[in-house]
N, C-alpha and C. Protein backbone atom coordinates (compact mmCIF):
# COMPACT_ATOMS: atom_id res chain seq x y z
N MET A 1 53.36 -21.19 70.04
CA MET A 1 51.91 -21.20 70.15
C MET A 1 51.37 -22.29 69.23
N THR A 2 50.55 -23.19 69.78
CA THR A 2 49.99 -24.26 68.98
C THR A 2 48.64 -23.84 68.42
N GLU A 3 48.37 -24.33 67.24
CA GLU A 3 47.12 -23.99 66.57
C GLU A 3 46.10 -25.10 66.82
N ASN A 4 44.86 -24.74 67.17
CA ASN A 4 43.81 -25.73 67.35
C ASN A 4 43.30 -26.17 65.99
N ILE A 5 43.31 -27.48 65.79
CA ILE A 5 42.89 -28.05 64.52
C ILE A 5 41.61 -28.86 64.75
N LYS A 6 40.63 -28.67 63.89
CA LYS A 6 39.37 -29.43 63.95
C LYS A 6 39.42 -30.47 62.83
N THR A 7 39.14 -31.73 63.16
CA THR A 7 39.11 -32.79 62.16
C THR A 7 37.66 -33.14 61.86
N ILE A 8 37.33 -33.13 60.58
CA ILE A 8 35.96 -33.41 60.13
C ILE A 8 36.00 -34.65 59.25
N SER A 9 35.08 -35.59 59.50
CA SER A 9 34.97 -36.79 58.67
C SER A 9 33.90 -36.56 57.61
N LEU A 10 34.24 -36.85 56.36
CA LEU A 10 33.31 -36.68 55.25
C LEU A 10 33.15 -38.00 54.51
N ALA A 11 31.90 -38.38 54.23
CA ALA A 11 31.66 -39.55 53.40
C ALA A 11 32.06 -39.18 51.98
N PHE A 12 32.90 -40.02 51.37
CA PHE A 12 33.38 -39.73 50.03
C PHE A 12 33.56 -41.05 49.29
N GLY A 13 32.85 -41.21 48.16
CA GLY A 13 32.93 -42.47 47.42
C GLY A 13 32.44 -43.61 48.30
N TYR A 14 33.28 -44.62 48.47
CA TYR A 14 32.91 -45.78 49.29
C TYR A 14 33.48 -45.72 50.70
N GLY A 15 34.09 -44.62 51.04
CA GLY A 15 34.72 -44.55 52.35
C GLY A 15 34.54 -43.21 53.02
N ILE A 16 35.42 -42.94 53.95
CA ILE A 16 35.40 -41.70 54.73
C ILE A 16 36.74 -40.99 54.52
N SER A 17 36.67 -39.70 54.26
CA SER A 17 37.89 -38.88 54.17
C SER A 17 37.89 -37.92 55.35
N GLU A 18 39.04 -37.73 55.93
CA GLU A 18 39.15 -36.79 57.05
C GLU A 18 39.83 -35.52 56.58
N LEU A 19 39.29 -34.42 57.04
CA LEU A 19 39.78 -33.10 56.66
C LEU A 19 40.17 -32.36 57.93
N SER A 20 41.38 -31.87 57.99
CA SER A 20 41.85 -31.11 59.16
C SER A 20 41.87 -29.63 58.81
N ILE A 21 41.14 -28.84 59.60
CA ILE A 21 41.02 -27.40 59.35
C ILE A 21 41.36 -26.64 60.63
N PRO A 22 42.18 -25.61 60.52
CA PRO A 22 42.43 -24.78 61.71
C PRO A 22 41.11 -24.16 62.19
N GLU A 23 40.85 -24.25 63.49
CA GLU A 23 39.60 -23.73 64.03
C GLU A 23 39.38 -22.26 63.71
N LYS A 24 40.45 -21.50 63.59
CA LYS A 24 40.31 -20.07 63.29
C LYS A 24 39.71 -19.84 61.89
N ASN A 25 39.77 -20.86 61.02
CA ASN A 25 39.23 -20.75 59.66
C ASN A 25 37.79 -21.27 59.55
N MET A 26 37.23 -21.73 60.66
CA MET A 26 35.87 -22.27 60.63
C MET A 26 34.91 -21.32 61.34
N SER A 27 33.77 -21.11 60.72
CA SER A 27 32.76 -20.29 61.40
C SER A 27 31.71 -21.19 62.04
N SER A 28 31.31 -22.27 61.34
CA SER A 28 30.33 -23.20 61.90
C SER A 28 30.26 -24.46 61.05
N ILE A 29 29.60 -25.46 61.61
CA ILE A 29 29.32 -26.70 60.89
C ILE A 29 27.81 -26.82 60.82
N ILE A 30 27.29 -26.99 59.62
CA ILE A 30 25.85 -27.12 59.44
C ILE A 30 25.54 -28.59 59.19
N LEU A 31 24.70 -29.17 60.02
CA LEU A 31 24.30 -30.57 59.89
C LEU A 31 22.85 -30.64 59.44
N PRO A 32 22.47 -31.68 58.67
CA PRO A 32 21.07 -31.81 58.25
C PRO A 32 20.18 -32.10 59.46
N SER A 33 18.96 -31.61 59.40
CA SER A 33 18.02 -31.88 60.49
C SER A 33 17.48 -33.30 60.34
N GLU A 34 17.04 -33.85 61.44
CA GLU A 34 16.47 -35.19 61.43
C GLU A 34 15.09 -35.15 60.79
N SER A 35 14.75 -36.18 60.06
CA SER A 35 13.44 -36.28 59.42
C SER A 35 12.36 -36.50 60.46
N GLU A 36 11.23 -35.84 60.26
CA GLU A 36 10.11 -36.00 61.19
C GLU A 36 9.00 -36.85 60.58
N ILE A 37 9.28 -37.53 59.49
CA ILE A 37 8.27 -38.35 58.82
C ILE A 37 8.04 -39.61 59.63
N LYS A 38 6.79 -39.85 59.96
CA LYS A 38 6.44 -41.02 60.78
C LYS A 38 6.02 -42.21 59.91
N GLU A 39 5.47 -41.94 58.73
CA GLU A 39 4.99 -42.99 57.85
C GLU A 39 6.18 -43.66 57.15
N ASP A 40 6.06 -44.97 56.89
CA ASP A 40 7.17 -45.66 56.25
C ASP A 40 7.32 -45.19 54.80
N PRO A 41 8.55 -45.12 54.30
CA PRO A 41 8.82 -44.59 52.96
C PRO A 41 8.09 -45.32 51.85
N PHE A 42 7.96 -46.65 51.95
CA PHE A 42 7.27 -47.43 50.92
C PHE A 42 5.84 -46.92 50.77
N SER A 43 5.13 -46.71 51.89
CA SER A 43 3.75 -46.21 51.85
C SER A 43 3.67 -44.81 51.27
N LEU A 44 4.64 -43.96 51.60
CA LEU A 44 4.65 -42.59 51.07
C LEU A 44 4.81 -42.59 49.56
N VAL A 45 5.71 -43.42 49.05
CA VAL A 45 5.92 -43.49 47.60
C VAL A 45 4.67 -44.04 46.93
N LYS A 46 4.10 -45.09 47.50
CA LYS A 46 2.89 -45.70 46.94
C LYS A 46 1.75 -44.68 46.89
N LYS A 47 1.58 -43.94 47.98
CA LYS A 47 0.53 -42.92 48.05
C LYS A 47 0.75 -41.84 46.98
N ALA A 48 2.00 -41.42 46.79
CA ALA A 48 2.32 -40.40 45.79
C ALA A 48 2.03 -40.91 44.37
N LEU A 49 2.35 -42.17 44.11
CA LEU A 49 2.09 -42.75 42.79
C LEU A 49 0.59 -42.92 42.53
N GLU A 50 -0.17 -43.19 43.58
CA GLU A 50 -1.62 -43.36 43.43
C GLU A 50 -2.35 -42.03 43.32
N ASN A 51 -1.71 -40.94 43.73
CA ASN A 51 -2.35 -39.62 43.73
C ASN A 51 -1.44 -38.57 43.11
N PRO A 52 -1.13 -38.70 41.82
CA PRO A 52 -0.24 -37.72 41.20
C PRO A 52 -0.89 -36.34 41.12
N ILE A 53 -0.07 -35.32 41.04
CA ILE A 53 -0.56 -33.94 40.96
C ILE A 53 -0.61 -33.53 39.49
N LYS A 54 -1.79 -33.14 39.03
CA LYS A 54 -2.01 -32.65 37.65
C LYS A 54 -1.52 -33.64 36.59
N SER A 55 -1.75 -34.90 36.82
CA SER A 55 -1.36 -35.93 35.85
C SER A 55 -2.19 -37.18 36.10
N GLU A 56 -2.26 -38.00 35.07
CA GLU A 56 -2.86 -39.32 35.25
C GLU A 56 -1.84 -40.19 36.00
N ARG A 57 -2.32 -41.27 36.58
CA ARG A 57 -1.41 -42.23 37.20
C ARG A 57 -0.55 -42.87 36.12
N LEU A 58 0.64 -43.30 36.49
CA LEU A 58 1.50 -44.00 35.54
C LEU A 58 0.81 -45.24 34.98
N SER A 59 0.04 -45.92 35.82
CA SER A 59 -0.67 -47.12 35.38
C SER A 59 -1.72 -46.81 34.31
N GLU A 60 -2.15 -45.55 34.23
CA GLU A 60 -3.10 -45.14 33.20
C GLU A 60 -2.39 -44.63 31.94
N ILE A 61 -1.12 -44.35 32.06
CA ILE A 61 -0.34 -43.82 30.93
C ILE A 61 0.34 -44.94 30.15
N VAL A 62 0.87 -45.94 30.86
CA VAL A 62 1.59 -47.03 30.18
C VAL A 62 0.63 -48.08 29.66
N ASN A 63 1.13 -48.89 28.74
CA ASN A 63 0.39 -50.04 28.23
C ASN A 63 1.39 -51.15 27.96
N PRO A 64 0.94 -52.34 27.57
CA PRO A 64 1.87 -53.45 27.37
C PRO A 64 2.97 -53.19 26.33
N ASP A 65 2.76 -52.24 25.42
CA ASP A 65 3.77 -51.94 24.41
C ASP A 65 4.71 -50.80 24.80
N SER A 66 4.46 -50.17 25.94
CA SER A 66 5.27 -49.02 26.36
C SER A 66 6.71 -49.43 26.66
N LYS A 67 7.63 -48.59 26.24
CA LYS A 67 9.05 -48.73 26.59
C LYS A 67 9.30 -47.74 27.72
N VAL A 68 9.84 -48.21 28.84
CA VAL A 68 10.02 -47.37 30.02
C VAL A 68 11.49 -47.37 30.44
N ALA A 69 12.03 -46.19 30.70
CA ALA A 69 13.38 -46.06 31.25
C ALA A 69 13.25 -45.38 32.61
N ILE A 70 13.85 -45.97 33.62
CA ILE A 70 13.84 -45.41 34.97
C ILE A 70 15.28 -45.07 35.32
N ILE A 71 15.53 -43.80 35.64
CA ILE A 71 16.88 -43.38 36.01
C ILE A 71 16.94 -43.25 37.53
N VAL A 72 17.90 -43.95 38.14
CA VAL A 72 18.08 -43.87 39.59
C VAL A 72 19.52 -43.50 39.90
N SER A 73 19.74 -42.96 41.08
CA SER A 73 21.09 -42.56 41.49
C SER A 73 21.94 -43.77 41.81
N ASP A 74 23.25 -43.61 41.64
CA ASP A 74 24.17 -44.67 42.02
C ASP A 74 24.43 -44.59 43.53
N VAL A 75 25.35 -45.40 44.01
CA VAL A 75 25.60 -45.49 45.46
C VAL A 75 26.23 -44.25 46.07
N THR A 76 26.68 -43.30 45.24
CA THR A 76 27.30 -42.10 45.80
C THR A 76 26.28 -41.07 46.26
N ARG A 77 25.00 -41.33 46.06
CA ARG A 77 23.94 -40.43 46.50
C ARG A 77 23.04 -41.17 47.49
N PRO A 78 22.52 -40.46 48.48
CA PRO A 78 21.71 -41.13 49.52
C PRO A 78 20.25 -41.36 49.13
N THR A 79 19.98 -41.59 47.85
CA THR A 79 18.61 -41.83 47.40
C THR A 79 18.17 -43.23 47.82
N PRO A 80 17.00 -43.37 48.45
CA PRO A 80 16.54 -44.70 48.89
C PRO A 80 15.90 -45.49 47.74
N THR A 81 16.70 -45.82 46.74
CA THR A 81 16.21 -46.52 45.55
C THR A 81 15.47 -47.80 45.92
N GLU A 82 15.96 -48.51 46.93
CA GLU A 82 15.33 -49.78 47.33
C GLU A 82 13.92 -49.56 47.87
N LYS A 83 13.58 -48.34 48.26
CA LYS A 83 12.23 -48.04 48.75
C LYS A 83 11.36 -47.42 47.66
N ILE A 84 11.97 -46.81 46.67
CA ILE A 84 11.23 -46.14 45.60
C ILE A 84 10.90 -47.10 44.46
N LEU A 85 11.86 -47.93 44.08
CA LEU A 85 11.71 -48.77 42.90
C LEU A 85 10.58 -49.81 42.99
N PRO A 86 10.43 -50.57 44.08
CA PRO A 86 9.35 -51.57 44.11
C PRO A 86 7.94 -50.99 43.89
N PRO A 87 7.53 -49.91 44.59
CA PRO A 87 6.19 -49.39 44.31
C PRO A 87 6.08 -48.76 42.91
N LEU A 88 7.17 -48.22 42.39
CA LEU A 88 7.16 -47.67 41.04
C LEU A 88 6.93 -48.78 40.02
N LEU A 89 7.64 -49.89 40.19
CA LEU A 89 7.45 -51.04 39.29
C LEU A 89 6.04 -51.60 39.41
N GLU A 90 5.51 -51.68 40.64
CA GLU A 90 4.13 -52.14 40.84
C GLU A 90 3.15 -51.31 40.03
N GLU A 91 3.32 -49.99 40.09
CA GLU A 91 2.43 -49.08 39.36
C GLU A 91 2.54 -49.30 37.85
N LEU A 92 3.74 -49.52 37.36
CA LEU A 92 3.93 -49.78 35.93
C LEU A 92 3.31 -51.11 35.53
N TYR A 93 3.49 -52.14 36.35
CA TYR A 93 2.90 -53.45 36.06
C TYR A 93 1.37 -53.37 36.06
N LEU A 94 0.82 -52.56 36.94
CA LEU A 94 -0.64 -52.37 37.01
C LEU A 94 -1.17 -51.86 35.67
N GLY A 95 -0.37 -51.05 34.98
CA GLY A 95 -0.76 -50.52 33.67
C GLY A 95 -0.43 -51.46 32.53
N GLY A 96 0.17 -52.60 32.83
CA GLY A 96 0.47 -53.59 31.80
C GLY A 96 1.90 -53.59 31.30
N ALA A 97 2.76 -52.73 31.84
CA ALA A 97 4.16 -52.70 31.40
C ALA A 97 4.81 -54.06 31.64
N LYS A 98 5.69 -54.44 30.72
CA LYS A 98 6.36 -55.73 30.80
C LYS A 98 7.83 -55.55 31.18
N ASP A 99 8.36 -56.53 31.92
CA ASP A 99 9.77 -56.49 32.34
C ASP A 99 10.72 -56.24 31.17
N GLU A 100 10.46 -56.92 30.05
CA GLU A 100 11.38 -56.80 28.91
C GLU A 100 11.36 -55.40 28.27
N ASN A 101 10.38 -54.58 28.63
CA ASN A 101 10.29 -53.22 28.10
C ASN A 101 10.70 -52.16 29.12
N ILE A 102 11.20 -52.60 30.28
CA ILE A 102 11.61 -51.66 31.32
C ILE A 102 13.13 -51.72 31.46
N THR A 103 13.77 -50.56 31.37
CA THR A 103 15.22 -50.44 31.53
C THR A 103 15.49 -49.57 32.74
N ILE A 104 16.34 -50.04 33.64
CA ILE A 104 16.73 -49.25 34.81
C ILE A 104 18.17 -48.79 34.59
N ILE A 105 18.36 -47.47 34.66
CA ILE A 105 19.67 -46.87 34.41
C ILE A 105 20.20 -46.30 35.72
N PHE A 106 21.38 -46.75 36.14
CA PHE A 106 22.02 -46.20 37.33
C PHE A 106 22.95 -45.09 36.87
N ALA A 107 22.60 -43.86 37.24
CA ALA A 107 23.33 -42.69 36.76
C ALA A 107 24.22 -42.10 37.84
N LEU A 108 25.29 -41.49 37.42
CA LEU A 108 26.22 -40.82 38.34
C LEU A 108 25.79 -39.38 38.54
N GLY A 109 25.88 -38.92 39.77
CA GLY A 109 25.71 -37.50 40.05
C GLY A 109 24.32 -36.94 39.94
N LEU A 110 23.30 -37.75 40.12
CA LEU A 110 21.93 -37.21 40.09
C LEU A 110 21.65 -36.40 41.32
């Protein structure tokens, strides 16, 4: 009697790992739902930065002497850093923050 084996591909590090599991040991596969957001991510981030909840805008908090550290995920996480960082930096510059006082930290496992 042959056993039915299900092969699942998983993104891992910089590549894909395949996992073979006997079908009798699987109950289901749960996949993420598709996003229903119609507005472009850059605009959503910009809108959020311009309208913070229970806080002043970052541009009202920072000044030219402020030291700022921004922590972003590394490539092992699906965070759209390239869409978040530009409007965030714009908001900081609006408040007078200077490049030499801004540090961007790429962290593992955020």
